[in-house]
Every structure is written in C-alpha cells, then in structure tokens.
C-alpha cells in the first residue's frame, strides 16, 4: 500500500496531529537531512547533531496532538535553533564550573587530574541514577541554570514540586558520592 497523498501541508499536519505515523514518516524524510546539516554546522559533532535532531523529532511526535503548527518548516527550524542553544548553554555552564574549579587548583599533577576526572564521572553517573523526572529537573537547575519558577513553567509543575525534586536529587547525589569521596581520601592519604 502506497503512502497517502496529502494535498497540502495543512492536511499533513492534521494527519500528524491525529497520530498518523505515515505523515510523521513523510515529515521526517523531508526535513531530517536539512535539520541534521544545520545542527552539524552549529555543534560541529556528528553524534551530537544526530542526537539533537532525533530529540526534535521525538518531541514533535510526543506533542503532536497539542502543537499548533501553522508553518512546519519554520517550526522545525526554530525548534532546532532552540535545541542547539540549549546544548551550547549546557556546555558553557559546565565549562564555567571547571574554569572556576581550575582557578582554585591551577596546577594539578597527573594524579590530581585523574581524581578530578573520576569525580566528574562519579557525579555524572550519580545524576544518571536519579529518577527520570528528578534528573530532568536537576539538570535544568544545576546545569542549565534555570530557576525553580522557570523549571515549573517549562515542565508544568508547581515550584514546591521542583524544589522537592532538587532537594531529593542533592540528597541522593551526596549519598552516591560519599563512598567515592571516602575512597579518594584514602587514596590521597596513601599517596602522600
């Protein structure tokens, strides 16, 4: 059976809104390559560009019934721009933290660099172990730098719920890093 013929973009969007996976497939095939190339020119990484575009299409499918799109190309390009900006913001925030840390520890020997790298990995692993909603809220707050009220508006939760998830996440991270820090202290004591 062939693909249905959509007379115009409005029919295609209406079919998408009603959950027509063939309409989604047509949109994906029509726009994926262009969006990927734009993302690649911004982030300069094949893997990250693919991840950003994939995330864009996942959001399009998940929110298809509530999106009020009048110009599909414009919507996709603006969404892509926002996702690239979010990626850049996360990296800038992460780099600011490491620049700040390096200003306090400007000269590190190899052992110290290994410890810092292991700590970074332990923090990232701890964040990934958080429940999905808590992890999302924690990243929006601590990595992207959004306030509790901005997060509440973005994900449609109360500010108290956002605060709860951040507090819960910090407690879980402290617990998961406690064992790591004990082993680092023992390692440092053994080295020196």
N, C-alpha and C. Protein backbone atom coordinates (compact mmCIF):
# COMPACT_ATOMS: atom_id res chain seq x y z
N UNK A 1 0.84 -1.18 0.00
CA UNK A 1 0.00 0.00 0.00
C UNK A 1 0.88 1.23 0.00
N UNK A 2 0.62 2.18 -0.89
CA UNK A 2 1.43 3.38 -1.01
C UNK A 2 1.09 4.39 0.07
N UNK A 3 1.94 5.41 0.14
CA UNK A 3 1.70 6.46 1.13
C UNK A 3 0.51 7.31 0.69
N UNK A 4 -0.28 7.77 1.67
CA UNK A 4 -1.41 8.61 1.30
C UNK A 4 -0.91 9.93 0.73
N UNK A 5 -1.63 10.45 -0.23
CA UNK A 5 -1.26 11.73 -0.85
C UNK A 5 -1.90 12.84 -0.05
N UNK A 6 -1.07 13.70 0.51
CA UNK A 6 -1.57 14.84 1.24
C UNK A 6 -1.56 16.02 0.28
N UNK A 7 -2.69 16.68 0.16
CA UNK A 7 -2.83 17.78 -0.80
C UNK A 7 -1.98 18.99 -0.43
N UNK A 8 -1.81 19.22 0.86
CA UNK A 8 -1.03 20.38 1.30
C UNK A 8 -0.48 20.13 2.70
N UNK A 9 0.27 21.09 3.18
CA UNK A 9 0.91 20.95 4.49
C UNK A 9 -0.13 20.87 5.60
N UNK A 10 -1.25 21.58 5.46
CA UNK A 10 -2.30 21.54 6.49
C UNK A 10 -2.85 20.13 6.66
N UNK A 11 -3.07 19.43 5.56
CA UNK A 11 -3.55 18.04 5.64
C UNK A 11 -2.50 17.14 6.30
N UNK A 12 -1.24 17.36 5.95
CA UNK A 12 -0.15 16.59 6.54
C UNK A 12 -0.10 16.82 8.05
N UNK A 13 -0.20 18.08 8.46
CA UNK A 13 -0.16 18.40 9.89
C UNK A 13 -1.38 17.85 10.63
N UNK A 14 -2.53 17.90 10.00
CA UNK A 14 -3.74 17.34 10.62
C UNK A 14 -3.60 15.84 10.80
N UNK A 15 -3.04 15.17 9.81
CA UNK A 15 -2.81 13.72 9.93
C UNK A 15 -1.80 13.43 11.05
N UNK A 16 -0.77 14.25 11.15
CA UNK A 16 0.22 14.09 12.22
C UNK A 16 -0.47 14.25 13.58
N UNK A 17 -1.28 15.30 13.73
CA UNK A 17 -1.98 15.55 14.99
C UNK A 17 -2.86 14.36 15.40
N UNK A 18 -3.42 13.67 14.42
CA UNK A 18 -4.28 12.53 14.73
C UNK A 18 -3.50 11.24 14.94
N UNK A 19 -2.15 11.32 14.86
CA UNK A 19 -1.32 10.16 15.15
C UNK A 19 -0.96 9.31 13.95
N UNK A 20 -1.08 9.84 12.76
CA UNK A 20 -0.77 9.10 11.53
C UNK A 20 0.75 8.97 11.41
N UNK A 21 1.25 7.74 11.59
CA UNK A 21 2.69 7.55 11.54
C UNK A 21 3.26 7.72 10.13
N UNK A 22 2.42 7.56 9.10
CA UNK A 22 2.90 7.81 7.74
C UNK A 22 3.13 9.30 7.51
N UNK A 23 2.30 10.15 8.09
CA UNK A 23 2.50 11.59 8.00
C UNK A 23 3.81 11.97 8.69
N UNK A 24 4.03 11.37 9.86
CA UNK A 24 5.27 11.62 10.58
C UNK A 24 6.47 11.18 9.75
N UNK A 25 6.37 10.02 9.13
CA UNK A 25 7.45 9.49 8.30
C UNK A 25 7.77 10.43 7.13
N UNK A 26 6.73 10.98 6.52
CA UNK A 26 6.93 11.92 5.41
C UNK A 26 7.67 13.16 5.90
N UNK A 27 7.24 13.68 7.04
CA UNK A 27 7.89 14.87 7.61
C UNK A 27 9.35 14.56 7.94
N UNK A 28 9.56 13.41 8.57
CA UNK A 28 10.91 13.01 8.94
C UNK A 28 11.82 12.94 7.71
N UNK A 29 11.35 12.23 6.68
CA UNK A 29 12.16 12.07 5.47
C UNK A 29 12.40 13.39 4.76
N UNK A 30 11.44 14.27 4.80
CA UNK A 30 11.57 15.56 4.11
C UNK A 30 12.54 16.50 4.82
N UNK A 31 12.56 16.49 6.15
CA UNK A 31 13.30 17.53 6.89
C UNK A 31 14.55 17.04 7.61
N UNK A 32 14.69 15.72 7.81
CA UNK A 32 15.79 15.23 8.64
C UNK A 32 17.15 15.71 8.14
N UNK A 33 17.46 15.50 6.89
CA UNK A 33 18.79 15.80 6.37
C UNK A 33 19.11 17.29 6.51
N UNK A 34 18.17 18.14 6.16
CA UNK A 34 18.40 19.59 6.29
C UNK A 34 18.65 19.97 7.75
N UNK A 35 17.82 19.46 8.66
CA UNK A 35 17.98 19.80 10.08
C UNK A 35 19.30 19.27 10.62
N UNK A 36 19.66 18.08 10.21
CA UNK A 36 20.94 17.50 10.63
C UNK A 36 22.10 18.38 10.19
N UNK A 37 22.09 18.83 8.94
CA UNK A 37 23.17 19.68 8.44
C UNK A 37 23.25 21.01 9.18
N UNK A 38 22.11 21.59 9.47
CA UNK A 38 22.11 22.85 10.24
C UNK A 38 22.68 22.60 11.64
N UNK A 39 22.22 21.55 12.29
CA UNK A 39 22.72 21.22 13.63
C UNK A 39 24.22 20.95 13.60
N UNK A 40 24.66 20.21 12.60
CA UNK A 40 26.09 19.90 12.47
C UNK A 40 26.92 21.17 12.32
N UNK A 41 26.41 22.14 11.57
CA UNK A 41 27.15 23.40 11.40
C UNK A 41 27.24 24.18 12.70
N UNK A 42 26.28 23.97 13.61
CA UNK A 42 26.28 24.69 14.88
C UNK A 42 27.09 23.99 15.95
N UNK A 43 26.95 22.67 16.07
CA UNK A 43 27.59 21.95 17.18
C UNK A 43 28.88 21.25 16.80
N UNK A 44 29.12 21.09 15.50
CA UNK A 44 30.36 20.52 14.97
C UNK A 44 30.67 19.11 15.50
N UNK A 45 29.63 18.33 15.67
CA UNK A 45 29.79 16.95 16.09
C UNK A 45 28.66 16.14 15.46
N UNK A 46 29.03 15.09 14.71
CA UNK A 46 28.03 14.26 14.05
C UNK A 46 27.08 13.65 15.08
N UNK A 47 27.65 13.08 16.16
CA UNK A 47 26.83 12.40 17.15
C UNK A 47 25.86 13.35 17.84
N UNK A 48 26.36 14.52 18.21
CA UNK A 48 25.51 15.49 18.91
C UNK A 48 24.45 16.04 17.96
N UNK A 49 24.82 16.30 16.72
CA UNK A 49 23.84 16.79 15.73
C UNK A 49 22.73 15.76 15.55
N UNK A 50 23.09 14.49 15.43
CA UNK A 50 22.08 13.44 15.29
C UNK A 50 21.19 13.37 16.53
N UNK A 51 21.81 13.49 17.71
CA UNK A 51 21.06 13.44 18.96
C UNK A 51 20.06 14.60 19.05
N UNK A 52 20.50 15.79 18.66
CA UNK A 52 19.63 16.97 18.72
C UNK A 52 18.45 16.80 17.77
N UNK A 53 18.71 16.37 16.54
CA UNK A 53 17.63 16.21 15.57
C UNK A 53 16.69 15.09 16.00
N UNK A 54 17.24 14.01 16.50
CA UNK A 54 16.40 12.92 16.99
C UNK A 54 15.50 13.42 18.11
N UNK A 55 16.06 14.18 19.04
CA UNK A 55 15.27 14.73 20.13
C UNK A 55 14.16 15.64 19.62
N UNK A 56 14.45 16.42 18.60
CA UNK A 56 13.46 17.31 18.00
C UNK A 56 12.29 16.50 17.44
N UNK A 57 12.60 15.42 16.71
CA UNK A 57 11.52 14.61 16.14
C UNK A 57 10.76 13.82 17.20
N UNK A 58 11.44 13.38 18.25
CA UNK A 58 10.75 12.70 19.35
C UNK A 58 9.76 13.67 19.99
N UNK A 59 10.20 14.91 20.23
CA UNK A 59 9.29 15.92 20.80
C UNK A 59 8.11 16.19 19.87
N UNK A 60 8.39 16.28 18.58
CA UNK A 60 7.32 16.51 17.61
C UNK A 60 6.27 15.41 17.70
N UNK A 61 6.72 14.16 17.76
CA UNK A 61 5.77 13.04 17.82
C UNK A 61 5.03 13.02 19.16
N UNK A 62 5.76 13.21 20.26
CA UNK A 62 5.13 13.14 21.58
C UNK A 62 4.12 14.26 21.80
N UNK A 63 4.37 15.44 21.23
CA UNK A 63 3.50 16.59 21.45
C UNK A 63 2.60 16.88 20.25
N UNK A 64 2.51 15.95 19.32
CA UNK A 64 1.81 16.17 18.05
C UNK A 64 0.37 16.63 18.22
N UNK A 65 -0.31 16.12 19.22
CA UNK A 65 -1.74 16.45 19.36
C UNK A 65 -1.96 17.83 19.98
N UNK A 66 -0.95 18.40 20.61
CA UNK A 66 -1.14 19.70 21.26
C UNK A 66 -0.43 20.85 20.55
N UNK A 67 0.43 20.53 19.60
CA UNK A 67 1.17 21.59 18.90
C UNK A 67 0.26 22.32 17.92
N UNK A 68 0.38 23.62 17.91
CA UNK A 68 -0.38 24.44 16.97
C UNK A 68 0.58 24.98 15.92
N UNK A 69 0.94 24.14 14.98
CA UNK A 69 1.92 24.49 13.95
C UNK A 69 1.17 25.00 12.73
N UNK A 70 1.58 26.18 12.26
CA UNK A 70 0.99 26.70 11.03
C UNK A 70 1.98 26.65 9.88
N UNK A 71 3.28 26.68 10.19
CA UNK A 71 4.32 26.60 9.17
C UNK A 71 5.34 25.58 9.67
N UNK A 72 5.30 24.38 9.13
CA UNK A 72 6.12 23.27 9.62
C UNK A 72 7.61 23.56 9.52
N UNK A 73 8.05 24.06 8.39
CA UNK A 73 9.48 24.34 8.20
C UNK A 73 9.96 25.36 9.23
N UNK A 74 9.20 26.40 9.44
CA UNK A 74 9.57 27.43 10.42
C UNK A 74 9.60 26.83 11.83
N UNK A 75 8.58 26.05 12.17
CA UNK A 75 8.53 25.42 13.48
C UNK A 75 9.75 24.54 13.73
N UNK A 76 10.08 23.69 12.75
CA UNK A 76 11.22 22.78 12.92
C UNK A 76 12.54 23.54 13.02
N UNK A 77 12.71 24.57 12.22
CA UNK A 77 13.96 25.34 12.27
C UNK A 77 14.10 26.12 13.57
N UNK A 78 13.02 26.69 14.07
CA UNK A 78 13.08 27.40 15.36
C UNK A 78 13.33 26.40 16.49
N UNK A 79 12.67 25.25 16.45
CA UNK A 79 12.90 24.22 17.47
C UNK A 79 14.35 23.76 17.46
N UNK A 80 14.90 23.58 16.27
CA UNK A 80 16.30 23.17 16.15
C UNK A 80 17.23 24.24 16.72
N UNK A 81 16.96 25.48 16.39
CA UNK A 81 17.77 26.58 16.91
C UNK A 81 17.75 26.57 18.44
N UNK A 82 16.57 26.39 19.03
CA UNK A 82 16.46 26.36 20.49
C UNK A 82 17.21 25.18 21.09
N UNK A 83 17.14 24.03 20.45
CA UNK A 83 17.85 22.86 20.96
C UNK A 83 19.37 23.06 20.87
N UNK A 84 19.84 23.70 19.81
CA UNK A 84 21.28 23.99 19.69
C UNK A 84 21.71 25.01 20.75
N UNK A 85 20.87 25.99 21.02
CA UNK A 85 21.17 26.97 22.06
C UNK A 85 21.21 26.29 23.43
N UNK A 86 20.25 25.39 23.69
CA UNK A 86 20.26 24.65 24.96
C UNK A 86 21.54 23.83 25.10
N UNK A 87 21.96 23.18 24.03
CA UNK A 87 23.20 22.41 24.05
C UNK A 87 24.38 23.32 24.38
N UNK A 88 24.47 24.46 23.71
CA UNK A 88 25.58 25.40 23.95
C UNK A 88 25.53 25.92 25.39
N UNK A 89 24.34 26.22 25.89
CA UNK A 89 24.21 26.74 27.26
C UNK A 89 24.69 25.70 28.27
N UNK A 90 24.32 24.43 28.06
CA UNK A 90 24.76 23.38 28.98
C UNK A 90 26.28 23.27 28.97
N UNK A 91 26.89 23.33 27.78
CA UNK A 91 28.34 23.22 27.70
C UNK A 91 29.04 24.43 28.30
N UNK A 92 28.48 25.61 28.10
CA UNK A 92 29.08 26.82 28.68
C UNK A 92 29.01 26.75 30.19
N UNK A 93 27.86 26.33 30.73
CA UNK A 93 27.72 26.22 32.18
C UNK A 93 28.70 25.21 32.73
N UNK A 94 28.82 24.07 32.08
CA UNK A 94 29.76 23.04 32.53
C UNK A 94 31.20 23.57 32.49
N UNK A 95 31.55 24.27 31.43
CA UNK A 95 32.90 24.83 31.30
C UNK A 95 33.17 25.90 32.36
N UNK A 96 32.13 26.69 32.68
CA UNK A 96 32.30 27.71 33.73
C UNK A 96 32.64 27.07 35.06
N UNK A 97 31.96 25.95 35.39
CA UNK A 97 32.26 25.26 36.64
C UNK A 97 33.71 24.77 36.67
N UNK A 98 34.17 24.19 35.56
CA UNK A 98 35.53 23.67 35.54
C UNK A 98 36.55 24.80 35.52
N UNK A 99 36.25 25.91 34.87
CA UNK A 99 37.15 27.07 34.91
C UNK A 99 37.25 27.59 36.33
N UNK A 100 36.11 27.67 37.01
CA UNK A 100 36.09 28.11 38.40
C UNK A 100 36.92 27.17 39.27
N UNK A 101 36.74 25.85 39.09
CA UNK A 101 37.50 24.88 39.88
C UNK A 101 38.99 24.98 39.60
N UNK A 102 39.34 25.17 38.33
CA UNK A 102 40.77 25.27 37.99
C UNK A 102 41.41 26.53 38.57
N UNK A 103 40.61 27.58 38.78
CA UNK A 103 41.17 28.80 39.36
C UNK A 103 41.59 28.56 40.81
N UNK A 104 40.94 27.62 41.50
CA UNK A 104 41.32 27.28 42.86
C UNK A 104 42.42 26.22 42.91
N UNK A 105 42.51 25.41 41.87
CA UNK A 105 43.52 24.38 41.79
C UNK A 105 44.26 24.51 40.46
N UNK A 106 45.02 25.61 40.29
CA UNK A 106 45.59 25.90 38.97
C UNK A 106 46.63 24.89 38.49
N UNK A 107 47.41 24.34 39.39
CA UNK A 107 48.44 23.41 38.97
C UNK A 107 48.10 22.04 39.54
N UNK A 108 47.77 21.11 38.63
CA UNK A 108 47.44 19.77 39.07
C UNK A 108 48.42 18.78 38.45
N UNK A 109 48.86 17.86 39.26
CA UNK A 109 49.69 16.81 38.68
C UNK A 109 48.76 15.75 38.10
N UNK A 110 49.33 14.74 37.52
CA UNK A 110 48.54 13.72 36.83
C UNK A 110 47.58 13.01 37.79
N UNK A 111 48.06 12.72 39.00
CA UNK A 111 47.19 12.03 39.96
C UNK A 111 45.97 12.89 40.31
N UNK A 112 46.20 14.19 40.50
CA UNK A 112 45.08 15.08 40.82
C UNK A 112 44.11 15.18 39.64
N UNK A 113 44.64 15.23 38.43
CA UNK A 113 43.78 15.29 37.26
C UNK A 113 42.93 14.02 37.14
N UNK A 114 43.54 12.88 37.45
CA UNK A 114 42.80 11.61 37.42
C UNK A 114 41.67 11.64 38.45
N UNK A 115 41.97 12.14 39.64
CA UNK A 115 40.96 12.21 40.70
C UNK A 115 39.82 13.15 40.27
N UNK A 116 40.17 14.30 39.70
CA UNK A 116 39.14 15.25 39.25
C UNK A 116 38.30 14.60 38.15
N UNK A 117 38.95 13.91 37.23
CA UNK A 117 38.22 13.24 36.15
C UNK A 117 37.30 12.16 36.72
N UNK A 118 37.78 11.39 37.68
CA UNK A 118 36.96 10.36 38.30
C UNK A 118 35.79 10.97 39.06
N UNK A 119 36.03 12.11 39.70
CA UNK A 119 34.95 12.79 40.41
C UNK A 119 33.88 13.25 39.42
N UNK A 120 34.31 13.82 38.30
CA UNK A 120 33.36 14.25 37.27
C UNK A 120 32.52 13.06 36.79
N UNK A 121 33.18 11.94 36.55
CA UNK A 121 32.45 10.73 36.12
C UNK A 121 31.49 10.25 37.19
N UNK A 122 31.92 10.32 38.46
CA UNK A 122 31.06 9.87 39.56
C UNK A 122 29.83 10.77 39.67
N UNK A 123 30.01 12.07 39.49
CA UNK A 123 28.88 13.00 39.54
C UNK A 123 27.93 12.70 38.39
N UNK A 124 28.46 12.54 37.18
CA UNK A 124 27.61 12.24 36.03
C UNK A 124 26.87 10.92 36.21
N UNK A 125 27.55 9.92 36.75
CA UNK A 125 26.92 8.62 37.00
C UNK A 125 25.82 8.76 38.05
N UNK A 126 26.10 9.55 39.10
CA UNK A 126 25.10 9.80 40.14
C UNK A 126 23.88 10.48 39.59
N UNK A 127 24.09 11.44 38.70
CA UNK A 127 22.96 12.15 38.07
C UNK A 127 22.14 11.18 37.23
N UNK A 128 22.81 10.32 36.48
CA UNK A 128 22.10 9.36 35.63
C UNK A 128 21.31 8.33 36.44
N UNK A 129 21.68 8.11 37.70
CA UNK A 129 20.98 7.15 38.54
C UNK A 129 19.72 7.76 39.17
N UNK A 130 19.54 9.07 39.06
CA UNK A 130 18.34 9.71 39.60
C UNK A 130 17.12 9.27 38.81
N UNK A 131 15.94 9.27 39.45
CA UNK A 131 14.71 9.01 38.68
C UNK A 131 14.59 10.05 37.56
N UNK A 132 13.92 9.66 36.49
CA UNK A 132 13.89 10.49 35.27
C UNK A 132 13.44 11.93 35.53
N UNK A 133 12.34 12.10 36.22
CA UNK A 133 11.82 13.46 36.45
C UNK A 133 12.79 14.27 37.32
N UNK A 134 13.34 13.65 38.37
CA UNK A 134 14.30 14.34 39.23
C UNK A 134 15.55 14.69 38.45
N UNK A 135 16.01 13.77 37.61
CA UNK A 135 17.20 14.02 36.79
C UNK A 135 16.97 15.21 35.85
N UNK A 136 15.82 15.24 35.20
CA UNK A 136 15.50 16.33 34.29
C UNK A 136 15.49 17.66 35.02
N UNK A 137 14.82 17.70 36.16
CA UNK A 137 14.73 18.94 36.94
C UNK A 137 16.10 19.35 37.45
N UNK A 138 16.87 18.39 37.94
CA UNK A 138 18.21 18.69 38.45
C UNK A 138 19.09 19.28 37.36
N UNK A 139 19.06 18.69 36.16
CA UNK A 139 19.87 19.19 35.06
C UNK A 139 19.43 20.59 34.65
N UNK A 140 18.12 20.81 34.60
CA UNK A 140 17.63 22.14 34.24
C UNK A 140 18.10 23.18 35.24
N UNK A 141 18.15 22.81 36.52
CA UNK A 141 18.54 23.75 37.56
C UNK A 141 20.05 23.91 37.66
N UNK A 142 20.76 22.81 37.81
CA UNK A 142 22.19 22.88 38.11
C UNK A 142 23.08 22.98 36.88
N UNK A 143 22.63 22.47 35.75
CA UNK A 143 23.48 22.50 34.56
C UNK A 143 23.07 23.65 33.65
N UNK A 144 21.74 23.80 33.42
CA UNK A 144 21.30 24.87 32.53
C UNK A 144 21.09 26.18 33.28
N UNK A 145 21.06 26.13 34.61
CA UNK A 145 20.97 27.34 35.39
C UNK A 145 19.58 27.97 35.46
N UNK A 146 18.53 27.19 35.23
CA UNK A 146 17.18 27.73 35.31
C UNK A 146 16.72 27.82 36.76
N UNK A 147 15.92 28.83 37.06
CA UNK A 147 15.37 28.98 38.40
C UNK A 147 14.22 27.99 38.59
N UNK A 148 13.82 27.83 39.86
CA UNK A 148 12.71 26.92 40.16
C UNK A 148 11.44 27.33 39.42
N UNK A 149 11.17 28.64 39.37
CA UNK A 149 9.95 29.10 38.70
C UNK A 149 10.03 28.86 37.19
N UNK A 150 11.21 29.04 36.59
CA UNK A 150 11.37 28.77 35.15
C UNK A 150 11.15 27.29 34.86
N UNK A 151 11.69 26.44 35.72
CA UNK A 151 11.52 24.99 35.54
C UNK A 151 10.06 24.61 35.71
N UNK A 152 9.41 25.18 36.72
CA UNK A 152 8.00 24.87 36.97
C UNK A 152 7.15 25.21 35.75
N UNK A 153 7.41 26.35 35.14
CA UNK A 153 6.65 26.74 33.94
C UNK A 153 6.96 25.82 32.77
N UNK A 154 8.24 25.47 32.61
CA UNK A 154 8.65 24.67 31.47
C UNK A 154 8.05 23.26 31.49
N UNK A 155 8.02 22.64 32.68
CA UNK A 155 7.55 21.25 32.73
C UNK A 155 6.20 21.11 33.42
N UNK A 156 5.54 22.24 33.67
CA UNK A 156 4.17 22.25 34.18
C UNK A 156 4.05 21.55 35.54
N UNK A 157 4.87 21.99 36.50
CA UNK A 157 4.82 21.52 37.88
C UNK A 157 4.76 22.74 38.79
N UNK A 158 4.40 22.52 40.03
CA UNK A 158 4.44 23.62 40.99
C UNK A 158 5.90 23.86 41.39
N UNK A 159 6.17 25.07 41.87
CA UNK A 159 7.54 25.39 42.32
C UNK A 159 7.92 24.51 43.51
N UNK A 160 6.97 24.18 44.37
CA UNK A 160 7.24 23.30 45.51
C UNK A 160 7.67 21.92 45.04
N UNK A 161 7.05 21.42 43.98
CA UNK A 161 7.44 20.11 43.44
C UNK A 161 8.85 20.16 42.87
N UNK A 162 9.16 21.25 42.18
CA UNK A 162 10.50 21.42 41.62
C UNK A 162 11.52 21.45 42.76
N UNK A 163 11.22 22.22 43.81
CA UNK A 163 12.11 22.31 44.96
C UNK A 163 12.31 20.94 45.61
N UNK A 164 11.22 20.19 45.73
CA UNK A 164 11.29 18.84 46.29
C UNK A 164 12.23 17.96 45.48
N UNK A 165 12.09 17.97 44.15
CA UNK A 165 12.93 17.13 43.30
C UNK A 165 14.40 17.54 43.40
N UNK A 166 14.68 18.82 43.47
CA UNK A 166 16.07 19.27 43.57
C UNK A 166 16.66 18.83 44.92
N UNK A 167 15.91 19.02 46.00
CA UNK A 167 16.38 18.60 47.33
C UNK A 167 16.63 17.10 47.36
N UNK A 168 15.67 16.34 46.84
CA UNK A 168 15.79 14.88 46.80
C UNK A 168 17.02 14.47 45.97
N UNK A 169 17.23 15.14 44.84
CA UNK A 169 18.36 14.82 43.97
C UNK A 169 19.69 15.10 44.68
N UNK A 170 19.77 16.23 45.36
CA UNK A 170 21.00 16.57 46.08
C UNK A 170 21.31 15.54 47.17
N UNK A 171 20.28 15.11 47.88
CA UNK A 171 20.49 14.09 48.92
C UNK A 171 21.00 12.79 48.31
N UNK A 172 20.38 12.37 47.19
CA UNK A 172 20.82 11.13 46.54
C UNK A 172 22.25 11.27 46.01
N UNK A 173 22.57 12.42 45.43
CA UNK A 173 23.93 12.61 44.92
C UNK A 173 24.96 12.61 46.05
N UNK A 174 24.63 13.26 47.15
CA UNK A 174 25.55 13.25 48.30
C UNK A 174 25.80 11.82 48.77
N UNK A 175 24.73 11.04 48.81
CA UNK A 175 24.87 9.65 49.23
C UNK A 175 25.72 8.85 48.24
N UNK A 176 25.47 9.03 46.96
CA UNK A 176 26.24 8.25 45.97
C UNK A 176 27.69 8.71 45.91
N UNK A 177 27.95 9.97 46.22
CA UNK A 177 29.34 10.47 46.19
C UNK A 177 30.08 10.21 47.50
N UNK A 178 29.36 9.91 48.56
CA UNK A 178 30.01 9.67 49.86
C UNK A 178 31.02 8.53 49.75
N UNK A 179 30.62 7.42 49.16
CA UNK A 179 31.54 6.28 49.02
C UNK A 179 32.73 6.65 48.14
N UNK A 180 32.47 7.40 47.08
CA UNK A 180 33.54 7.83 46.19
C UNK A 180 34.55 8.71 46.94
N UNK A 181 34.05 9.65 47.71
CA UNK A 181 34.93 10.57 48.42
C UNK A 181 35.76 9.86 49.48
N UNK A 182 35.19 8.87 50.15
CA UNK A 182 35.96 8.10 51.14
C UNK A 182 37.13 7.41 50.45
N UNK A 183 36.89 6.79 49.30
CA UNK A 183 37.98 6.11 48.60
C UNK A 183 39.02 7.10 48.09
N UNK A 184 38.61 8.30 47.68
CA UNK A 184 39.56 9.32 47.24
C UNK A 184 40.40 9.79 48.41
N UNK A 185 39.79 10.00 49.57
CA UNK A 185 40.55 10.44 50.75
C UNK A 185 41.58 9.38 51.13
N UNK A 186 41.18 8.13 51.09
CA UNK A 186 42.13 7.05 51.38
C UNK A 186 43.25 7.02 50.35
N UNK A 187 42.91 7.23 49.09
CA UNK A 187 43.93 7.24 48.04
C UNK A 187 44.91 8.39 48.26
N UNK A 188 44.39 9.56 48.56
CA UNK A 188 45.26 10.73 48.80
C UNK A 188 46.15 10.49 50.01
N UNK A 189 45.58 9.95 51.08
CA UNK A 189 46.36 9.66 52.28
C UNK A 189 47.46 8.66 51.97
N UNK A 190 47.16 7.68 51.13
CA UNK A 190 48.14 6.66 50.78
C UNK A 190 49.27 7.26 49.92
N UNK A 191 48.90 8.16 48.99
CA UNK A 191 49.88 8.75 48.08
C UNK A 191 50.81 9.69 48.83
N UNK A 192 50.27 10.48 49.72
CA UNK A 192 51.07 11.50 50.42
C UNK A 192 51.48 10.95 51.74
